[in-house]
Amino acid sequence: MRLWTVHPKYLDRQGLCAAWREALLAQAVLAGKTKGYRHHPQLERFRAHRTPERAIAGYLRGLYAESLKRGYRFDESKIGTGGTRIRLAETDGQLLWEWAHLKAKLEVRSPEHLKTFKHVTMPESHPLFHIIEGTVQPWERGA
């Protein structure tokens, strides 16, 4: 499961669709509707919010907005309530770690998509997040 801090515009087609599916799974986990993935580290920052289900809804809304820009047909009715005004703090270290991780994936899977962003050194974040100074999060595996 990867719930990207980077803005969804940087994700290729496969990445955006996977992020949508994984965020829907995260929504189910946070709502207690599944037994799997309950302890996944990617969910920690959502659980830390006073209304985790609203926070993940905000994340899904960001993905949905990007899907509309690309002409995709994601099902908005699958998004839970809330999330429109929620912002979560995330570190610039986490954002940059994910940016490097995403670029490595795109280099192999979608080099043409990556070329669109070749001059980006500090990517924009997903609209849910506001970026603060800090290091990679302790929950990030492989960092």
N, C-alpha and C. Protein backbone atom coordinates (compact mmCIF):
# COMPACT_ATOMS: atom_id res chain seq x y z
N MET A 1 0.85 -1.17 0.00
CA MET A 1 0.00 0.00 0.00
C MET A 1 0.90 1.23 0.00
N ARG A 2 0.61 2.16 -0.89
CA ARG A 2 1.35 3.41 -0.95
C ARG A 2 0.35 4.54 -1.05
N LEU A 3 0.31 5.38 -0.03
CA LEU A 3 -0.54 6.56 -0.03
C LEU A 3 0.40 7.76 -0.20
N TRP A 4 0.59 8.15 -1.43
CA TRP A 4 1.61 9.11 -1.82
C TRP A 4 1.40 10.49 -1.21
N THR A 5 2.49 11.09 -0.77
CA THR A 5 2.49 12.48 -0.34
C THR A 5 2.60 13.38 -1.57
N VAL A 6 3.27 12.92 -2.61
CA VAL A 6 3.42 13.73 -3.82
C VAL A 6 2.06 13.96 -4.47
N HIS A 7 1.95 15.05 -5.18
CA HIS A 7 0.70 15.39 -5.87
C HIS A 7 0.36 14.28 -6.87
N PRO A 8 -0.91 13.94 -7.00
CA PRO A 8 -1.30 12.88 -7.93
C PRO A 8 -0.95 13.17 -9.39
N LYS A 9 -0.71 14.42 -9.73
CA LYS A 9 -0.37 14.75 -11.12
C LYS A 9 0.93 14.08 -11.57
N TYR A 10 1.79 13.74 -10.61
CA TYR A 10 3.07 13.10 -10.95
C TYR A 10 2.92 11.61 -11.21
N LEU A 11 1.82 11.03 -10.81
CA LEU A 11 1.62 9.59 -11.00
C LEU A 11 1.25 9.29 -12.44
N ASP A 12 1.81 8.23 -12.97
CA ASP A 12 1.40 7.77 -14.30
C ASP A 12 0.04 7.09 -14.18
N ARG A 13 -0.48 6.64 -15.29
CA ARG A 13 -1.81 6.01 -15.30
C ARG A 13 -1.89 4.86 -14.31
N GLN A 14 -0.90 3.98 -14.35
CA GLN A 14 -0.89 2.83 -13.46
C GLN A 14 -0.81 3.28 -11.99
N GLY A 15 0.00 4.27 -11.74
CA GLY A 15 0.18 4.75 -10.38
C GLY A 15 -1.07 5.41 -9.81
N LEU A 16 -1.73 6.20 -10.65
CA LEU A 16 -2.95 6.87 -10.19
C LEU A 16 -4.06 5.85 -9.90
N CYS A 17 -4.21 4.89 -10.79
CA CYS A 17 -5.23 3.85 -10.58
C CYS A 17 -4.91 3.00 -9.35
N ALA A 18 -3.64 2.68 -9.16
CA ALA A 18 -3.24 1.90 -7.98
C ALA A 18 -3.46 2.72 -6.70
N ALA A 19 -3.14 4.00 -6.75
CA ALA A 19 -3.33 4.86 -5.58
C ALA A 19 -4.82 4.93 -5.20
N TRP A 20 -5.69 5.00 -6.22
CA TRP A 20 -7.13 5.02 -5.97
C TRP A 20 -7.57 3.74 -5.26
N ARG A 21 -7.16 2.59 -5.81
CA ARG A 21 -7.54 1.30 -5.20
C ARG A 21 -6.99 1.18 -3.78
N GLU A 22 -5.74 1.58 -3.59
CA GLU A 22 -5.12 1.45 -2.28
C GLU A 22 -5.74 2.41 -1.26
N ALA A 23 -6.12 3.59 -1.71
CA ALA A 23 -6.77 4.54 -0.80
C ALA A 23 -8.18 4.06 -0.44
N LEU A 24 -8.87 3.43 -1.38
CA LEU A 24 -10.17 2.84 -1.05
C LEU A 24 -10.01 1.72 -0.03
N LEU A 25 -8.97 0.92 -0.18
CA LEU A 25 -8.68 -0.11 0.81
C LEU A 25 -8.38 0.53 2.16
N ALA A 26 -7.57 1.58 2.16
CA ALA A 26 -7.25 2.28 3.40
C ALA A 26 -8.51 2.82 4.06
N GLN A 27 -9.42 3.34 3.26
CA GLN A 27 -10.69 3.84 3.79
C GLN A 27 -11.47 2.71 4.49
N ALA A 28 -11.50 1.55 3.87
CA ALA A 28 -12.18 0.40 4.46
C ALA A 28 -11.50 -0.02 5.77
N VAL A 29 -10.18 -0.02 5.77
CA VAL A 29 -9.43 -0.39 6.98
C VAL A 29 -9.75 0.59 8.11
N LEU A 30 -9.68 1.89 7.81
CA LEU A 30 -9.92 2.90 8.84
C LEU A 30 -11.36 2.88 9.35
N ALA A 31 -12.28 2.38 8.52
CA ALA A 31 -13.68 2.26 8.93
C ALA A 31 -13.95 0.94 9.65
N GLY A 32 -12.92 0.10 9.78
CA GLY A 32 -13.08 -1.18 10.45
C GLY A 32 -13.83 -2.21 9.63
N LYS A 33 -13.81 -2.06 8.31
CA LYS A 33 -14.57 -2.96 7.44
C LYS A 33 -13.74 -4.09 6.84
N THR A 34 -12.51 -4.22 7.27
CA THR A 34 -11.65 -5.29 6.76
C THR A 34 -10.70 -5.73 7.86
N LYS A 35 -10.25 -6.95 7.79
CA LYS A 35 -9.33 -7.47 8.80
C LYS A 35 -7.88 -7.27 8.37
N GLY A 36 -7.63 -7.24 7.08
CA GLY A 36 -6.27 -7.08 6.59
C GLY A 36 -5.80 -5.64 6.64
N TYR A 37 -4.50 -5.46 6.63
CA TYR A 37 -3.85 -4.15 6.54
C TYR A 37 -4.12 -3.23 7.74
N ARG A 38 -4.69 -3.75 8.81
CA ARG A 38 -5.04 -2.90 9.95
C ARG A 38 -3.83 -2.22 10.58
N HIS A 39 -2.67 -2.84 10.46
CA HIS A 39 -1.47 -2.28 11.10
C HIS A 39 -0.48 -1.75 10.07
N HIS A 40 -0.95 -1.46 8.88
CA HIS A 40 -0.04 -0.98 7.84
C HIS A 40 0.51 0.39 8.22
N PRO A 41 1.84 0.57 8.11
CA PRO A 41 2.44 1.83 8.54
C PRO A 41 1.97 3.06 7.75
N GLN A 42 1.55 2.87 6.52
CA GLN A 42 1.08 4.01 5.72
C GLN A 42 -0.17 4.65 6.33
N LEU A 43 -0.86 3.93 7.20
CA LEU A 43 -2.09 4.45 7.80
C LEU A 43 -1.85 5.29 9.05
N GLU A 44 -0.63 5.28 9.56
CA GLU A 44 -0.34 5.97 10.81
C GLU A 44 -0.69 7.46 10.77
N ARG A 45 -0.33 8.13 9.71
CA ARG A 45 -0.60 9.58 9.66
C ARG A 45 -2.09 9.89 9.56
N PHE A 46 -2.87 8.96 9.01
CA PHE A 46 -4.32 9.16 8.96
C PHE A 46 -4.93 8.87 10.33
N ARG A 47 -4.44 7.82 10.96
CA ARG A 47 -4.94 7.48 12.30
C ARG A 47 -4.63 8.57 13.32
N ALA A 48 -3.55 9.30 13.10
CA ALA A 48 -3.16 10.36 14.03
C ALA A 48 -4.13 11.55 13.98
N HIS A 49 -4.90 11.65 12.92
CA HIS A 49 -5.88 12.73 12.82
C HIS A 49 -7.08 12.40 13.69
N ARG A 50 -7.74 13.43 14.22
CA ARG A 50 -8.88 13.18 15.13
C ARG A 50 -10.05 12.53 14.41
N THR A 51 -10.13 12.66 13.08
CA THR A 51 -11.17 11.98 12.30
C THR A 51 -10.51 11.28 11.10
N PRO A 52 -9.92 10.10 11.35
CA PRO A 52 -9.19 9.40 10.29
C PRO A 52 -10.01 9.14 9.03
N GLU A 53 -11.28 8.81 9.20
CA GLU A 53 -12.11 8.51 8.02
C GLU A 53 -12.32 9.76 7.16
N ARG A 54 -12.42 10.90 7.79
CA ARG A 54 -12.56 12.14 7.04
C ARG A 54 -11.23 12.50 6.36
N ALA A 55 -10.13 12.20 7.03
CA ALA A 55 -8.81 12.47 6.45
C ALA A 55 -8.59 11.63 5.19
N ILE A 56 -8.92 10.35 5.24
CA ILE A 56 -8.73 9.51 4.05
C ILE A 56 -9.69 9.92 2.95
N ALA A 57 -10.88 10.41 3.32
CA ALA A 57 -11.80 10.92 2.31
C ALA A 57 -11.18 12.13 1.60
N GLY A 58 -10.50 12.97 2.35
CA GLY A 58 -9.80 14.10 1.74
C GLY A 58 -8.72 13.64 0.78
N TYR A 59 -8.02 12.58 1.16
CA TYR A 59 -6.99 12.03 0.28
C TYR A 59 -7.63 11.50 -1.02
N LEU A 60 -8.72 10.77 -0.88
CA LEU A 60 -9.41 10.23 -2.05
C LEU A 60 -9.93 11.36 -2.95
N ARG A 61 -10.39 12.45 -2.35
CA ARG A 61 -10.89 13.57 -3.15
C ARG A 61 -9.79 14.17 -4.03
N GLY A 62 -8.57 14.20 -3.51
CA GLY A 62 -7.44 14.69 -4.31
C GLY A 62 -7.16 13.78 -5.50
N LEU A 63 -7.24 12.48 -5.29
CA LEU A 63 -7.06 11.52 -6.38
C LEU A 63 -8.19 11.65 -7.39
N TYR A 64 -9.40 11.80 -6.88
CA TYR A 64 -10.57 11.93 -7.75
C TYR A 64 -10.45 13.17 -8.64
N ALA A 65 -10.03 14.29 -8.06
CA ALA A 65 -9.86 15.53 -8.83
C ALA A 65 -8.86 15.33 -9.97
N GLU A 66 -7.78 14.64 -9.69
CA GLU A 66 -6.79 14.37 -10.74
C GLU A 66 -7.37 13.44 -11.80
N SER A 67 -8.18 12.48 -11.39
CA SER A 67 -8.78 11.56 -12.36
C SER A 67 -9.69 12.32 -13.33
N LEU A 68 -10.39 13.31 -12.82
CA LEU A 68 -11.26 14.11 -13.69
C LEU A 68 -10.45 14.88 -14.73
N LYS A 69 -9.32 15.43 -14.31
CA LYS A 69 -8.45 16.17 -15.24
C LYS A 69 -7.97 15.27 -16.38
N ARG A 70 -7.83 13.99 -16.09
CA ARG A 70 -7.32 13.05 -17.10
C ARG A 70 -8.44 12.35 -17.87
N GLY A 71 -9.66 12.62 -17.52
CA GLY A 71 -10.78 12.00 -18.22
C GLY A 71 -11.08 10.58 -17.78
N TYR A 72 -10.63 10.21 -16.58
CA TYR A 72 -10.90 8.88 -16.06
C TYR A 72 -12.29 8.85 -15.43
N ARG A 73 -12.76 7.66 -15.13
CA ARG A 73 -14.10 7.50 -14.57
C ARG A 73 -14.05 6.83 -13.19
N PHE A 74 -13.34 7.44 -12.27
CA PHE A 74 -13.35 6.93 -10.90
C PHE A 74 -14.74 7.19 -10.32
N ASP A 75 -15.17 6.32 -9.43
CA ASP A 75 -16.51 6.42 -8.86
C ASP A 75 -16.49 7.26 -7.59
N GLU A 76 -16.92 8.51 -7.70
CA GLU A 76 -16.91 9.43 -6.57
C GLU A 76 -17.77 8.95 -5.41
N SER A 77 -18.79 8.15 -5.71
CA SER A 77 -19.69 7.69 -4.65
C SER A 77 -18.98 6.76 -3.65
N LYS A 78 -17.80 6.28 -4.00
CA LYS A 78 -17.04 5.40 -3.10
C LYS A 78 -16.29 6.18 -2.02
N ILE A 79 -16.23 7.50 -2.17
CA ILE A 79 -15.52 8.32 -1.20
C ILE A 79 -16.42 8.59 -0.01
N GLY A 80 -15.89 8.36 1.18
CA GLY A 80 -16.65 8.65 2.40
C GLY A 80 -16.90 10.13 2.57
N THR A 81 -17.56 10.49 3.62
CA THR A 81 -17.91 11.88 3.85
C THR A 81 -16.76 12.65 4.47
N GLY A 82 -16.78 13.95 4.22
CA GLY A 82 -15.80 14.84 4.82
C GLY A 82 -14.54 14.96 4.01
N GLY A 83 -13.55 15.58 4.64
CA GLY A 83 -12.24 15.68 4.05
C GLY A 83 -11.97 16.92 3.23
N THR A 84 -12.97 17.75 3.00
CA THR A 84 -12.75 18.88 2.10
C THR A 84 -11.89 19.97 2.72
N ARG A 85 -11.91 20.11 4.03
CA ARG A 85 -11.12 21.16 4.68
C ARG A 85 -9.97 20.63 5.51
N ILE A 86 -9.79 19.36 5.52
CA ILE A 86 -8.74 18.75 6.34
C ILE A 86 -7.40 18.90 5.65
N ARG A 87 -6.39 19.21 6.45
CA ARG A 87 -5.01 19.25 5.97
C ARG A 87 -4.16 18.51 7.01
N LEU A 88 -3.29 17.66 6.54
CA LEU A 88 -2.37 16.94 7.41
C LEU A 88 -0.97 17.48 7.19
N ALA A 89 -0.23 17.60 8.26
CA ALA A 89 1.17 18.02 8.14
C ALA A 89 2.01 16.83 7.68
N GLU A 90 2.93 17.09 6.78
CA GLU A 90 3.89 16.07 6.36
C GLU A 90 5.22 16.76 6.13
N THR A 91 6.29 16.01 6.29
CA THR A 91 7.62 16.61 6.22
C THR A 91 8.15 16.69 4.80
N ASP A 92 9.02 17.68 4.59
CA ASP A 92 9.67 17.80 3.29
C ASP A 92 10.60 16.61 3.05
N GLY A 93 11.16 16.04 4.12
CA GLY A 93 11.99 14.85 3.97
C GLY A 93 11.19 13.67 3.43
N GLN A 94 9.97 13.50 3.93
CA GLN A 94 9.10 12.43 3.43
C GLN A 94 8.73 12.67 1.98
N LEU A 95 8.37 13.91 1.68
CA LEU A 95 7.99 14.26 0.31
C LEU A 95 9.14 13.98 -0.65
N LEU A 96 10.34 14.37 -0.31
CA LEU A 96 11.49 14.16 -1.20
C LEU A 96 11.87 12.68 -1.31
N TRP A 97 11.72 11.93 -0.21
CA TRP A 97 12.00 10.50 -0.27
C TRP A 97 11.03 9.83 -1.25
N GLU A 98 9.75 10.18 -1.14
CA GLU A 98 8.75 9.61 -2.05
C GLU A 98 8.99 10.05 -3.48
N TRP A 99 9.42 11.28 -3.69
CA TRP A 99 9.68 11.78 -5.03
C TRP A 99 10.78 10.94 -5.69
N ALA A 100 11.85 10.66 -4.95
CA ALA A 100 12.93 9.83 -5.48
C ALA A 100 12.42 8.41 -5.76
N HIS A 101 11.60 7.90 -4.86
CA HIS A 101 11.03 6.55 -5.03
C HIS A 101 10.14 6.50 -6.28
N LEU A 102 9.29 7.51 -6.45
CA LEU A 102 8.41 7.55 -7.61
C LEU A 102 9.20 7.70 -8.90
N LYS A 103 10.20 8.57 -8.91
CA LYS A 103 11.00 8.75 -10.13
C LYS A 103 11.68 7.45 -10.54
N ALA A 104 12.16 6.69 -9.58
CA ALA A 104 12.79 5.40 -9.89
C ALA A 104 11.77 4.45 -10.53
N LYS A 105 10.55 4.44 -10.01
CA LYS A 105 9.49 3.60 -10.59
C LYS A 105 9.16 4.05 -12.02
N LEU A 106 9.01 5.36 -12.19
CA LEU A 106 8.63 5.89 -13.50
C LEU A 106 9.73 5.71 -14.54
N GLU A 107 10.95 5.75 -14.10
CA GLU A 107 12.08 5.55 -15.01
C GLU A 107 11.97 4.21 -15.73
N VAL A 108 11.50 3.21 -15.02
CA VAL A 108 11.35 1.87 -15.58
C VAL A 108 10.00 1.71 -16.29
N ARG A 109 8.93 2.15 -15.64
CA ARG A 109 7.58 1.87 -16.10
C ARG A 109 7.03 2.88 -17.11
N SER A 110 7.34 4.15 -16.92
CA SER A 110 6.76 5.20 -17.76
C SER A 110 7.74 6.34 -17.99
N PRO A 111 8.84 6.06 -18.69
CA PRO A 111 9.86 7.10 -18.88
C PRO A 111 9.33 8.35 -19.60
N GLU A 112 8.37 8.19 -20.49
CA GLU A 112 7.81 9.36 -21.18
C GLU A 112 7.05 10.25 -20.21
N HIS A 113 6.33 9.64 -19.29
CA HIS A 113 5.61 10.42 -18.27
C HIS A 113 6.62 11.16 -17.38
N LEU A 114 7.69 10.49 -17.02
CA LEU A 114 8.70 11.10 -16.16
C LEU A 114 9.34 12.31 -16.81
N LYS A 115 9.54 12.27 -18.12
CA LYS A 115 10.15 13.40 -18.84
C LYS A 115 9.38 14.70 -18.63
N THR A 116 8.08 14.59 -18.45
CA THR A 116 7.24 15.77 -18.23
C THR A 116 7.67 16.53 -16.98
N PHE A 117 8.26 15.83 -16.02
CA PHE A 117 8.61 16.43 -14.73
C PHE A 117 10.11 16.42 -14.48
N LYS A 118 10.92 16.35 -15.54
CA LYS A 118 12.36 16.17 -15.37
C LYS A 118 13.04 17.34 -14.66
N HIS A 119 12.45 18.52 -14.69
CA HIS A 119 13.07 19.68 -14.05
C HIS A 119 12.55 19.93 -12.62
N VAL A 120 11.66 19.09 -12.16
CA VAL A 120 11.10 19.25 -10.81
C VAL A 120 12.10 18.73 -9.78
N THR A 121 12.51 19.61 -8.88
CA THR A 121 13.39 19.18 -7.79
C THR A 121 12.61 19.07 -6.48
N MET A 122 11.67 19.98 -6.26
CA MET A 122 10.79 19.91 -5.09
C MET A 122 9.37 19.79 -5.60
N PRO A 123 8.82 18.57 -5.55
CA PRO A 123 7.48 18.36 -6.09
C PRO A 123 6.40 19.01 -5.21
N GLU A 124 5.26 19.26 -5.80
CA GLU A 124 4.11 19.69 -5.03
C GLU A 124 3.59 18.47 -4.26
N SER A 125 2.90 18.75 -3.18
CA SER A 125 2.32 17.66 -2.40
C SER A 125 0.86 17.46 -2.79
N HIS A 126 0.37 16.31 -2.43
CA HIS A 126 -1.06 16.03 -2.56
C HIS A 126 -1.79 17.15 -1.81
N PRO A 127 -2.93 17.62 -2.31
CA PRO A 127 -3.63 18.75 -1.67
C PRO A 127 -4.00 18.53 -0.19
N LEU A 128 -4.04 17.29 0.26
CA LEU A 128 -4.37 17.01 1.66
C LEU A 128 -3.27 17.48 2.60
N PHE A 129 -2.04 17.51 2.10
CA PHE A 129 -0.89 17.75 2.97
C PHE A 129 -0.38 19.19 2.89
N HIS A 130 0.07 19.68 4.04
CA HIS A 130 0.86 20.90 4.05
C HIS A 130 2.24 20.48 4.55
N ILE A 131 3.24 20.96 3.87
CA ILE A 131 4.60 20.48 4.09
C ILE A 131 5.32 21.33 5.13
N ILE A 132 5.93 20.62 6.07
CA ILE A 132 6.73 21.25 7.11
C ILE A 132 8.15 20.69 7.02
N GLU A 133 9.07 21.34 7.67
CA GLU A 133 10.45 20.88 7.66
C GLU A 133 10.56 19.62 8.51
N GLY A 134 11.33 18.66 8.03
CA GLY A 134 11.55 17.44 8.80
C GLY A 134 12.16 16.34 7.96
N THR A 135 12.38 15.23 8.60
CA THR A 135 13.03 14.08 7.96
C THR A 135 11.98 13.09 7.46
N VAL A 136 12.47 12.02 6.88
CA VAL A 136 11.60 10.93 6.45
C VAL A 136 10.92 10.36 7.69
N GLN A 137 9.67 9.99 7.56
CA GLN A 137 8.90 9.50 8.69
C GLN A 137 9.41 8.14 9.17
N PRO A 138 9.35 7.89 10.45
CA PRO A 138 9.81 6.59 10.99
C PRO A 138 9.00 5.41 10.46
N TRP A 139 7.75 5.64 10.04
CA TRP A 139 6.92 4.54 9.54
C TRP A 139 7.29 4.15 8.10
N GLU A 140 8.10 4.95 7.44
CA GLU A 140 8.45 4.66 6.04
C GLU A 140 9.41 3.48 5.98
N ARG A 141 8.94 2.42 5.35
CA ARG A 141 9.77 1.23 5.21
C ARG A 141 10.79 1.44 4.09
N GLY A 142 11.99 0.98 4.32
CA GLY A 142 13.03 1.05 3.30
C GLY A 142 13.73 2.39 3.21
N ALA A 143 13.40 3.30 4.09
CA ALA A 143 14.05 4.62 4.03
C ALA A 143 15.38 4.59 4.75
